[in-house]
Amino acid sequence: MKIAIVSLLTIVFIFLTGCCCNTAKKADNAKANLLHLKVDFAAPAGKDDPKPIASTAKEGWSNWTIPDWDFYRSNTVWEDGSQSCPQDGPGIGGSGVHAAITCHYEGIMSIHVAGMKRYLAGGVQPENKPIYEPICNTWVAGSDFPYNPTSDLIMALYDLPAGKYRLLSYHNNFNGRRIGNSPTGIEYTETREPEPPMSSIKVYPAKTVIADYFQSRAGALVKEKTYGTPEKKLLIPAKLGTGNVKQTLQAENVVIQQVKTDAELKPSTIEFTTDGSPVIVVYAGGCCKSDDLRKQRKGGWAVLNAFELIQLSAETPKQ
């Protein structure tokens, strides 16, 4: 009788151990399938060479090259450098996730590279070579008008699997100064005065972002005139989803750094959930610093060098 009981207990133990192992393996497999995208903004090598300048592209990260070769004023740019969603493309790092970035004032977003001379009028090949490390030395921000919401950076994320996400964003830039004989020649190398903290990083459902953000910020003027905003380029009517997107961790008064090595960077953090509906992230600039190049213009740039999008779970959020 004792032998029979021992044998039965042994069988039960083996069965339970196997169940636990299978459960652990399933959990490990599920975790391994979660997204972790690392994206670094990069600058193009030249007018006839759209490949990224190597020293602006972080090794091991997906490089998002802003294609405007003169580093001046880009319209909405998708992850492959095009101006419309590459729906049949592989997405960021082959993930199937598509993304676009622009400014609230459509057409003023520019790529900036520490150590390289560019020209505010555009149409001229930038000169010199990048300095500092790849994430630190390259950032997207508005050009010419540092106002809020004019210079807000807006990033759209499409085709995300349902789940909870953490977005780590890196914000680093250098002060600009006029240089050389041309009145439009400028370079960014100095660390004399950081940009004011960005007021917030907010998440909106693509389905309601017009009412929630664009209409609520309507009426913004530059030189007493209205300007075009990018919602028609960012929003894909057939892919707006249910709108079940919720921000679960906020970011306010986000510090913009001035460091020279990537190891010194400290990212901002927000979290959100989605049922697979597309997400619009708005990086709102601060106030009220005089612009480095045009002192009469006061505001604060929203700045973005790179980001990591980390899927924390694959659960579909409740309504």
Protein backbone atom coordinates (compact mmCIF):
# COMPACT_ATOMS: atom_id res chain seq x y z
CA MET A 1 0.00 0.00 0.00
CA LYS A 2 2.79 2.42 0.94
CA ILE A 3 4.60 1.62 -2.32
CA ALA A 4 1.44 2.35 -4.32
CA ILE A 5 0.92 5.71 -2.58
CA VAL A 6 4.56 6.72 -3.13
CA SER A 7 4.30 5.77 -6.80
CA LEU A 8 1.10 7.78 -7.18
CA LEU A 9 2.64 10.84 -5.51
CA THR A 10 5.70 10.54 -7.77
CA ILE A 11 3.48 10.52 -10.86
CA VAL A 12 1.55 13.58 -9.62
CA PHE A 13 4.83 15.42 -8.88
CA ILE A 14 6.19 14.66 -12.34
CA PHE A 15 2.92 15.81 -13.92
CA LEU A 16 2.87 19.08 -11.98
CA THR A 17 6.55 19.72 -12.74
CA GLY A 18 5.86 19.25 -16.43
CA CYS A 19 2.89 21.63 -16.29
CA CYS A 20 4.98 24.27 -14.54
CA CYS A 21 7.79 23.88 -17.08
CA ASN A 22 5.36 24.17 -19.99
CA THR A 23 3.74 27.25 -18.45
CA ALA A 24 7.16 28.85 -17.91
CA LYS A 25 8.18 28.05 -21.50
CA LYS A 26 4.97 29.59 -22.83
CA ALA A 27 5.59 32.71 -20.74
CA ASP A 28 9.18 32.93 -21.98
CA ASN A 29 8.05 32.48 -25.58
CA ALA A 30 5.36 35.15 -25.18
CA LYS A 31 7.90 37.57 -23.71
CA ALA A 32 10.35 36.82 -26.52
CA ASN A 33 7.68 37.78 -29.07
CA LEU A 34 7.05 41.22 -27.57
CA LEU A 35 8.29 44.21 -29.56
CA HIS A 36 11.36 46.20 -28.61
CA LEU A 37 12.14 48.72 -31.32
CA LYS A 38 15.20 50.96 -31.13
CA VAL A 39 15.16 53.88 -33.57
CA ASP A 40 17.81 56.55 -34.11
CA PHE A 41 17.26 59.55 -36.38
CA ALA A 42 20.04 59.99 -38.94
CA ALA A 43 21.09 62.52 -41.58
CA PRO A 44 21.54 61.75 -45.31
CA ALA A 45 25.00 61.73 -46.83
CA GLY A 46 24.17 64.09 -49.69
CA LYS A 47 21.91 65.19 -52.51
CA ASP A 48 22.64 62.10 -54.58
CA ASP A 49 23.34 59.77 -51.67
CA PRO A 50 20.35 59.10 -49.40
CA LYS A 51 22.24 56.64 -47.20
CA PRO A 52 22.73 57.87 -43.62
CA ILE A 53 25.97 59.50 -42.58
CA ALA A 54 27.54 56.64 -40.64
CA SER A 55 28.48 58.69 -37.60
CA THR A 56 24.85 59.85 -37.17
CA ALA A 57 23.43 56.30 -37.25
CA LYS A 58 23.62 54.27 -34.03
CA GLU A 59 24.99 50.79 -34.68
CA GLY A 60 22.50 48.05 -33.85
CA TRP A 61 19.52 50.44 -34.00
CA SER A 62 17.05 51.02 -36.82
CA ASN A 63 18.10 54.21 -38.56
CA TRP A 64 15.35 56.64 -39.57
CA THR A 65 16.98 58.92 -42.12
CA ILE A 66 15.34 62.30 -42.71
CA PRO A 67 15.89 62.58 -46.48
CA ASP A 68 16.19 66.32 -47.00
CA TRP A 69 19.85 66.54 -48.02
CA ASP A 70 20.19 70.25 -47.12
CA PHE A 71 19.03 69.62 -43.51
CA TYR A 72 16.32 72.24 -43.94
CA ARG A 73 12.55 71.95 -43.68
CA SER A 74 11.01 68.53 -44.23
CA ASN A 75 7.39 67.62 -44.72
CA THR A 76 5.93 64.55 -42.98
CA VAL A 77 8.48 61.72 -43.19
CA TRP A 78 7.67 58.01 -42.81
CA GLU A 79 10.14 55.43 -41.52
CA ASP A 80 11.49 54.66 -45.01
CA GLY A 81 12.01 58.33 -45.87
CA SER A 82 8.88 58.61 -48.02
CA GLN A 83 6.00 61.06 -47.62
CA SER A 84 3.23 58.44 -47.57
CA CYS A 85 2.78 55.31 -45.49
CA PRO A 86 4.75 52.37 -46.96
CA GLN A 87 1.93 49.94 -46.14
CA ASP A 88 3.49 47.09 -48.11
CA GLY A 89 6.92 47.68 -46.59
CA PRO A 90 8.53 45.72 -43.73
CA GLY A 91 8.08 48.47 -41.15
CA ILE A 92 10.64 49.50 -38.55
CA GLY A 93 13.27 46.79 -38.21
CA GLY A 94 11.01 44.34 -40.08
CA SER A 95 8.40 44.58 -37.30
CA GLY A 96 5.48 45.64 -39.49
CA VAL A 97 5.12 48.81 -37.40
CA HIS A 98 4.94 51.99 -39.49
CA ALA A 99 5.72 55.48 -38.22
CA ALA A 100 5.68 59.09 -39.40
CA ILE A 101 7.05 62.29 -37.90
CA THR A 102 6.50 65.99 -38.55
CA CYS A 103 5.80 69.31 -36.81
CA HIS A 104 2.47 70.97 -35.99
CA TYR A 105 3.46 73.54 -38.61
CA GLU A 106 3.78 71.15 -41.54
CA GLY A 107 7.04 71.70 -43.38
CA ILE A 108 9.31 73.22 -40.71
CA MET A 109 10.76 70.02 -39.23
CA SER A 110 14.51 69.81 -39.84
CA ILE A 111 17.31 67.39 -39.09
CA HIS A 112 20.14 68.97 -37.07
CA VAL A 113 23.67 67.57 -36.84
CA ALA A 114 26.21 68.71 -34.26
CA GLY A 115 29.40 69.92 -35.94
CA MET A 116 27.94 70.30 -39.44
CA LYS A 117 27.27 73.65 -41.05
CA ARG A 118 23.90 74.06 -42.75
CA TYR A 119 22.14 77.00 -44.37
CA LEU A 120 18.80 78.42 -43.24
CA ALA A 121 17.74 79.23 -46.79
CA GLY A 122 18.19 75.59 -47.81
CA GLY A 123 19.39 74.38 -51.19
CA VAL A 124 23.06 74.18 -50.14
CA GLN A 125 24.98 71.02 -49.28
CA PRO A 126 25.88 70.98 -45.54
CA GLU A 127 29.58 71.07 -44.73
CA ASN A 128 32.04 69.57 -42.23
CA LYS A 129 31.61 66.34 -40.28
CA PRO A 130 29.47 65.30 -37.30
CA ILE A 131 30.97 65.47 -33.82
CA TYR A 132 30.06 63.54 -30.67
CA GLU A 133 28.23 60.18 -30.57
CA PRO A 134 25.42 59.06 -32.92
CA ILE A 135 22.32 59.54 -30.76
CA CYS A 136 23.62 62.74 -29.15
CA ASN A 137 24.72 64.38 -32.37
CA THR A 138 21.54 64.21 -34.47
CA TRP A 139 18.05 65.43 -33.64
CA VAL A 140 14.80 66.48 -35.27
CA ALA A 141 13.22 69.77 -34.28
CA GLY A 142 11.43 72.65 -35.94
CA SER A 143 13.26 75.35 -37.84
CA ASP A 144 12.70 79.12 -37.67
CA PHE A 145 9.64 79.28 -35.38
CA PRO A 146 10.17 78.02 -31.79
CA TYR A 147 6.59 78.64 -30.74
CA ASN A 148 4.09 76.30 -29.11
CA PRO A 149 2.24 74.53 -30.72
CA THR A 150 3.98 75.55 -33.97
CA SER A 151 7.12 73.54 -33.26
CA ASP A 152 5.46 70.57 -31.52
CA LEU A 153 6.83 67.28 -32.85
CA ILE A 154 4.13 64.79 -33.83
CA MET A 155 4.84 61.08 -34.32
CA ALA A 156 2.29 58.58 -35.62
CA LEU A 157 2.57 54.84 -34.90
CA TYR A 158 0.56 52.39 -37.01
CA ASP A 159 0.09 48.60 -36.98
CA LEU A 160 1.07 48.13 -33.35
CA PRO A 161 0.04 44.77 -31.89
CA ALA A 162 -2.47 45.15 -29.07
CA GLY A 163 -0.91 45.56 -25.65
CA LYS A 164 0.78 47.84 -23.16
CA TYR A 165 3.81 49.88 -24.26
CA ARG A 166 6.60 51.96 -22.80
CA LEU A 167 8.09 54.71 -24.96
CA LEU A 168 11.58 55.89 -24.03
CA SER A 169 12.55 59.08 -25.87
CA TYR A 170 15.94 60.78 -26.02
CA HIS A 171 16.22 64.57 -26.12
CA ASN A 172 19.61 66.23 -26.69
CA ASN A 173 20.74 69.22 -28.70
CA PHE A 174 23.37 71.92 -28.97
CA ASN A 175 23.13 75.68 -29.31
CA GLY A 176 23.34 77.13 -32.81
CA ARG A 177 25.34 80.11 -34.00
CA ARG A 178 25.84 81.92 -37.27
CA ILE A 179 29.17 81.17 -38.88
CA GLY A 180 31.10 82.15 -42.03
CA ASN A 181 30.46 84.84 -44.62
CA SER A 182 26.92 83.79 -45.49
CA PRO A 183 24.22 85.28 -43.23
CA THR A 184 22.35 81.97 -43.38
CA GLY A 185 25.28 79.69 -42.48
CA ILE A 186 24.87 78.11 -39.03
CA GLU A 187 26.38 75.33 -36.94
CA TYR A 188 25.42 73.59 -33.70
CA THR A 189 28.34 72.89 -31.36
CA GLU A 190 27.88 74.90 -28.17
CA THR A 191 26.46 74.01 -24.74
CA ARG A 192 25.88 77.48 -23.34
CA GLU A 193 22.09 77.38 -22.74
CA PRO A 194 19.85 74.30 -22.95
CA GLU A 195 16.40 74.50 -24.46
CA PRO A 196 13.65 74.97 -21.85
CA PRO A 197 12.00 71.72 -20.71
CA MET A 198 9.32 70.41 -23.03
CA SER A 199 5.93 70.96 -21.44
CA SER A 200 4.62 67.45 -22.04
CA ILE A 201 4.62 64.24 -24.05
CA LYS A 202 1.05 63.14 -24.71
CA VAL A 203 -0.59 60.22 -26.48
CA TYR A 204 -3.77 60.53 -28.54
CA PRO A 205 -5.85 57.99 -30.48
CA ALA A 206 -5.49 58.67 -34.21
CA LYS A 207 -9.28 58.37 -34.45
CA THR A 208 -9.90 61.42 -32.25
CA VAL A 209 -6.67 63.42 -32.55
CA ILE A 210 -8.25 66.07 -34.76
CA ALA A 211 -10.75 67.03 -32.06
CA ASP A 212 -8.48 66.24 -29.11
CA TYR A 213 -5.37 68.05 -30.36
CA PHE A 214 -5.50 69.80 -33.72
CA GLN A 215 -8.82 71.61 -33.21
CA SER A 216 -7.98 72.44 -29.61
CA ARG A 217 -4.79 74.13 -30.81
CA ALA A 218 -6.38 75.80 -33.84
CA GLY A 219 -5.73 79.46 -34.54
CA ALA A 220 -1.95 79.38 -34.04
CA LEU A 221 -0.26 82.10 -36.07
CA VAL A 222 3.20 82.74 -37.48
CA LYS A 223 3.86 86.30 -38.62
CA GLU A 224 0.13 86.96 -38.04
CA LYS A 225 -0.82 84.26 -40.56
CA THR A 226 -2.25 80.79 -40.15
CA TYR A 227 -0.31 77.81 -41.48
CA GLY A 228 -0.93 74.28 -42.69
CA THR A 229 -1.04 71.39 -40.21
CA PRO A 230 -0.23 67.76 -41.06
CA GLU A 231 -3.30 65.75 -40.05
CA LYS A 232 -4.21 64.81 -43.64
CA LYS A 233 -0.73 63.38 -44.15
CA LEU A 234 -0.59 61.60 -40.79
CA LEU A 235 -4.05 60.04 -40.71
CA ILE A 236 -5.05 57.04 -42.82
CA PRO A 237 -8.88 56.96 -42.81
CA ALA A 238 -9.11 53.20 -43.39
CA LYS A 239 -6.74 52.43 -40.49
CA LEU A 240 -7.97 54.57 -37.59
CA GLY A 241 -9.19 51.58 -35.57
CA THR A 242 -11.54 51.83 -32.60
CA GLY A 243 -9.68 54.63 -30.84
CA ASN A 244 -9.14 52.47 -27.74
CA VAL A 245 -5.82 54.10 -26.80
CA LYS A 246 -5.04 55.27 -23.27
CA GLN A 247 -1.97 56.96 -21.80
CA THR A 248 -1.14 55.33 -18.46
CA LEU A 249 2.08 57.17 -17.56
CA GLN A 250 2.52 60.90 -18.15
CA ALA A 251 5.63 62.99 -18.86
CA GLU A 252 5.80 66.71 -18.10
CA ASN A 253 8.62 69.28 -17.90
CA VAL A 254 10.86 67.00 -19.94
CA VAL A 255 14.51 68.06 -19.75
CA ILE A 256 16.46 68.52 -22.98
CA GLN A 257 20.07 67.56 -22.38
CA GLN A 258 23.36 68.82 -23.79
CA VAL A 259 25.69 65.83 -23.51
CA LYS A 260 28.27 64.44 -25.91
CA THR A 261 28.20 60.69 -25.26
CA ASP A 262 25.24 58.36 -25.64
CA ALA A 263 25.94 56.77 -22.26
CA GLU A 264 25.07 60.09 -20.58
CA LEU A 265 21.59 60.25 -22.10
CA LYS A 266 18.60 59.93 -19.78
CA PRO A 267 15.36 59.18 -21.64
CA SER A 268 11.90 60.45 -20.90
CA THR A 269 9.29 57.75 -20.23
CA ILE A 270 5.62 57.44 -21.04
CA GLU A 271 3.37 54.38 -21.15
CA PHE A 272 0.15 53.65 -23.00
CA THR A 273 -2.20 50.86 -24.02
CA THR A 274 -3.80 50.16 -27.39
CA ASP A 275 -6.07 47.51 -28.82
CA GLY A 276 -4.09 47.82 -32.05
CA SER A 277 -5.51 51.24 -32.92
CA PRO A 278 -2.88 53.72 -34.17
CA VAL A 279 -1.28 56.12 -31.72
CA ILE A 280 -0.27 59.77 -32.11
CA VAL A 281 2.51 61.01 -29.81
CA VAL A 282 2.87 64.77 -29.36
CA TYR A 283 6.10 66.23 -27.98
CA ALA A 284 5.19 69.78 -26.92
CA GLY A 285 7.89 72.44 -26.72
CA GLY A 286 8.58 74.67 -23.74
CA CYS A 287 8.84 78.41 -23.13
CA CYS A 288 10.22 81.12 -23.14
CA LYS A 289 13.84 81.14 -24.33
CA SER A 290 15.10 83.51 -27.01
CA ASP A 291 15.96 81.56 -30.14
CA ASP A 292 19.71 81.11 -30.65
CA LEU A 293 19.58 82.58 -34.16
CA ARG A 294 16.70 85.05 -34.01
CA LYS A 295 16.66 86.57 -30.55
CA GLN A 296 13.31 88.30 -31.03
CA ARG A 297 11.58 84.92 -31.33
CA LYS A 298 10.89 83.33 -27.97
CA GLY A 299 9.67 79.84 -27.19
CA GLY A 300 11.19 76.41 -26.93
CA TRP A 301 11.86 73.59 -29.33
CA ALA A 302 10.57 70.07 -28.97
CA VAL A 303 13.61 67.86 -29.60
CA LEU A 304 13.86 64.16 -30.44
CA ASN A 305 17.06 62.23 -31.18
CA ALA A 306 15.94 58.62 -30.84
CA PHE A 307 13.38 56.41 -29.14
CA GLU A 308 12.75 52.91 -27.89
CA LEU A 309 9.28 51.40 -28.14
CA ILE A 310 8.94 48.48 -25.72
CA GLN A 311 5.89 46.23 -25.62
CA LEU A 312 5.33 45.30 -21.98
CA SER A 313 2.43 42.91 -22.55
CA ALA A 314 0.24 41.63 -25.35
CA GLU A 315 -3.05 41.96 -23.51
CA THR A 316 -5.88 43.79 -25.22
CA PRO A 317 -6.90 46.74 -23.02
CA LYS A 318 -10.49 46.95 -21.77
CA GLN A 319 -12.78 49.66 -23.05
